[in-house]
Amino acid sequence: MKNLKAKTILVSLLFILSMSIAPQVSLSGEPAAPCGGGDPIAQGPPIPGFLTFVNSGVEEGVGMVTFLGTCNKQLVTRKFCFPTDIVVGGFAAITKDHLINLVLGDLGPPECCTYCGGEPLIIANVKKFHNTGEKIIAEIVLRCFTCP
């Protein structure tokens, strides 16, 4: 357990250090409405953490997303495939504003928003963002949500 905790702290520190030297991007854009026009209703606590989104090149239009964060003082990790064509212009054109209100699927962690988890997650805030054209690294806040 100590070894896992030390690795988690080391990875987090390295990520924070790399984000401190990465330029921040803040361009205006219209986020998509996840509830078909209604405002999502947040459930549970915010889930702060770090997201990497890699344009895999293995399968056209699909990239690998990895999230490392915390909820209720517990480590939350998620790894899943996600479409890379969320904006016109492809992966390299994705900005900070394209991530806000992006629904990641039914990936809510157990004992965070509910006992069993599985709620839809939405990116509620993007604090830092860097897109190299092949990899996105961002400090984000996820929220579990329901639609009215």
Protein backbone atom coordinates (compact mmCIF):
# COMPACT_ATOMS: atom_id res chain seq x y z
CA MET A 1 0.00 0.00 0.00
CA LYS A 2 2.84 2.38 0.84
CA ASN A 3 4.46 1.70 -2.54
CA LEU A 4 1.20 2.51 -4.40
CA LYS A 5 0.75 5.69 -2.38
CA ALA A 6 4.33 6.77 -3.10
CA LYS A 7 3.90 6.08 -6.84
CA THR A 8 0.63 8.02 -6.90
CA ILE A 9 2.22 11.00 -5.18
CA LEU A 10 5.25 10.88 -7.51
CA VAL A 11 3.09 10.71 -10.66
CA SER A 12 0.92 13.58 -9.38
CA LEU A 13 3.95 15.74 -8.58
CA LEU A 14 5.52 15.08 -11.97
CA PHE A 15 2.27 15.95 -13.70
CA ILE A 16 1.85 19.18 -11.71
CA LEU A 17 5.44 20.14 -12.53
CA SER A 18 4.89 19.48 -16.25
CA MET A 19 1.66 21.51 -16.20
CA SER A 20 3.37 24.47 -14.57
CA ILE A 21 5.63 24.88 -17.61
CA ALA A 22 2.92 24.15 -20.19
CA PRO A 23 1.13 27.12 -21.77
CA GLN A 24 -2.48 27.59 -20.79
CA VAL A 25 -5.07 27.93 -23.52
CA SER A 26 -8.28 29.86 -22.99
CA LEU A 27 -10.33 30.39 -26.13
CA SER A 28 -14.03 31.14 -26.23
CA GLY A 29 -16.38 28.45 -27.48
CA GLU A 30 -19.85 27.07 -27.00
CA PRO A 31 -19.91 23.92 -24.84
CA ALA A 32 -22.43 21.26 -25.79
CA ALA A 33 -25.50 20.84 -23.60
CA PRO A 34 -25.35 17.34 -22.03
CA CYS A 35 -29.06 17.29 -21.10
CA GLY A 36 -30.57 18.31 -24.42
CA GLY A 37 -30.93 21.96 -23.43
CA GLY A 38 -31.61 21.50 -19.70
CA ASP A 39 -28.91 22.13 -17.12
CA PRO A 40 -27.30 19.03 -15.60
CA ILE A 41 -27.91 18.54 -11.87
CA ALA A 42 -24.63 17.83 -10.05
CA GLN A 43 -24.55 14.91 -7.62
CA GLY A 44 -21.97 14.25 -4.96
CA PRO A 45 -18.67 16.02 -4.40
CA PRO A 46 -16.40 17.43 -7.11
CA ILE A 47 -13.77 14.95 -8.37
CA PRO A 48 -10.56 16.92 -9.04
CA GLY A 49 -7.74 15.31 -10.97
CA PHE A 50 -5.64 15.05 -14.09
CA LEU A 51 -6.68 13.87 -17.52
CA THR A 52 -4.53 12.73 -20.41
CA PHE A 53 -6.11 12.14 -23.80
CA VAL A 54 -3.83 10.50 -26.35
CA ASN A 55 -4.60 10.37 -30.06
CA SER A 56 -3.70 6.70 -30.31
CA GLY A 57 -3.39 6.35 -34.05
CA VAL A 58 -4.27 2.68 -33.57
CA GLU A 59 -7.90 3.10 -34.59
CA GLU A 60 -9.05 6.10 -36.63
CA GLY A 61 -11.14 8.52 -34.59
CA VAL A 62 -10.47 6.90 -31.20
CA GLY A 63 -8.07 7.95 -28.45
CA MET A 64 -7.20 6.73 -24.98
CA VAL A 65 -8.28 8.78 -21.95
CA THR A 66 -6.69 8.30 -18.53
CA PHE A 67 -7.98 10.10 -15.44
CA LEU A 68 -6.28 10.19 -12.03
CA GLY A 69 -8.03 12.05 -9.22
CA THR A 70 -9.60 11.82 -5.79
CA CYS A 71 -13.08 11.66 -4.30
CA ASN A 72 -13.77 11.53 -0.58
CA LYS A 73 -10.02 11.07 0.02
CA GLN A 74 -9.97 7.94 -2.17
CA LEU A 75 -7.97 7.50 -5.36
CA VAL A 76 -10.06 7.49 -8.54
CA THR A 77 -8.58 6.07 -11.74
CA ARG A 78 -10.35 5.59 -15.04
CA LYS A 79 -8.98 4.50 -18.42
CA PHE A 80 -11.20 4.27 -21.49
CA CYS A 81 -11.41 4.94 -25.22
CA PHE A 82 -13.10 8.12 -26.42
CA PRO A 83 -13.79 9.64 -29.86
CA THR A 84 -11.12 12.08 -31.05
CA ASP A 85 -13.40 13.78 -33.57
CA ILE A 86 -15.34 15.84 -31.00
CA VAL A 87 -14.58 19.05 -32.95
CA VAL A 88 -14.19 19.99 -36.60
CA GLY A 89 -10.48 20.01 -37.34
CA GLY A 90 -9.74 16.84 -35.41
CA PHE A 91 -7.72 16.15 -32.31
CA ALA A 92 -5.23 19.02 -32.71
CA ALA A 93 -8.13 21.53 -32.77
CA ILE A 94 -9.51 20.50 -29.34
CA THR A 95 -9.31 23.40 -26.86
CA LYS A 96 -9.98 23.86 -23.16
CA ASP A 97 -13.50 25.08 -23.92
CA HIS A 98 -14.32 21.93 -25.91
CA LEU A 99 -13.73 19.86 -22.76
CA ILE A 100 -16.09 21.84 -20.51
CA ASN A 101 -19.46 20.05 -20.22
CA LEU A 102 -18.08 17.05 -22.12
CA VAL A 103 -19.87 13.90 -20.92
CA LEU A 104 -17.46 11.01 -20.39
CA GLY A 105 -20.01 8.25 -19.84
CA ASP A 106 -21.32 6.23 -16.93
CA LEU A 107 -18.01 6.09 -15.08
CA GLY A 108 -18.87 7.52 -11.64
CA PRO A 109 -16.61 5.90 -9.03
CA PRO A 110 -18.10 3.76 -6.24
CA GLU A 111 -18.50 5.45 -2.84
CA CYS A 112 -18.19 8.91 -4.35
CA CYS A 113 -21.54 10.11 -5.67
CA THR A 114 -23.41 6.95 -4.72
CA TYR A 115 -22.45 3.71 -3.04
CA CYS A 116 -22.21 1.61 -6.23
CA GLY A 117 -21.10 4.32 -8.67
CA GLY A 118 -21.77 4.18 -12.39
CA GLU A 119 -23.26 7.67 -12.74
CA PRO A 120 -22.54 9.74 -15.85
CA LEU A 121 -19.53 12.03 -15.45
CA ILE A 122 -19.19 15.50 -16.91
CA ILE A 123 -16.12 17.73 -17.07
CA ALA A 124 -17.28 20.68 -14.95
CA ASN A 125 -14.07 22.74 -14.95
CA VAL A 126 -10.74 22.82 -16.76
CA LYS A 127 -8.06 24.59 -14.74
CA LYS A 128 -4.99 23.91 -16.89
CA PHE A 129 -4.83 22.65 -20.47
CA HIS A 130 -2.16 21.73 -23.02
CA ASN A 131 -2.70 20.12 -26.44
CA THR A 132 0.42 19.04 -28.36
CA GLY A 133 -1.63 17.81 -31.31
CA GLU A 134 -1.14 14.18 -30.28
CA LYS A 135 -1.72 14.39 -26.51
CA ILE A 136 -3.91 16.53 -24.26
CA ILE A 137 -2.96 17.02 -20.62
CA ALA A 138 -5.42 18.86 -18.40
CA GLU A 139 -6.16 19.55 -14.75
CA ILE A 140 -9.92 19.10 -14.49
CA VAL A 141 -12.86 18.72 -12.13
CA LEU A 142 -15.38 15.99 -12.87
CA ARG A 143 -18.92 15.86 -11.49
CA CYS A 144 -21.48 13.08 -11.42
CA PHE A 145 -24.78 14.38 -12.78
CA THR A 146 -28.37 13.65 -13.71
CA CYS A 147 -30.63 15.44 -16.18
CA PRO A 148 -33.84 17.18 -15.06
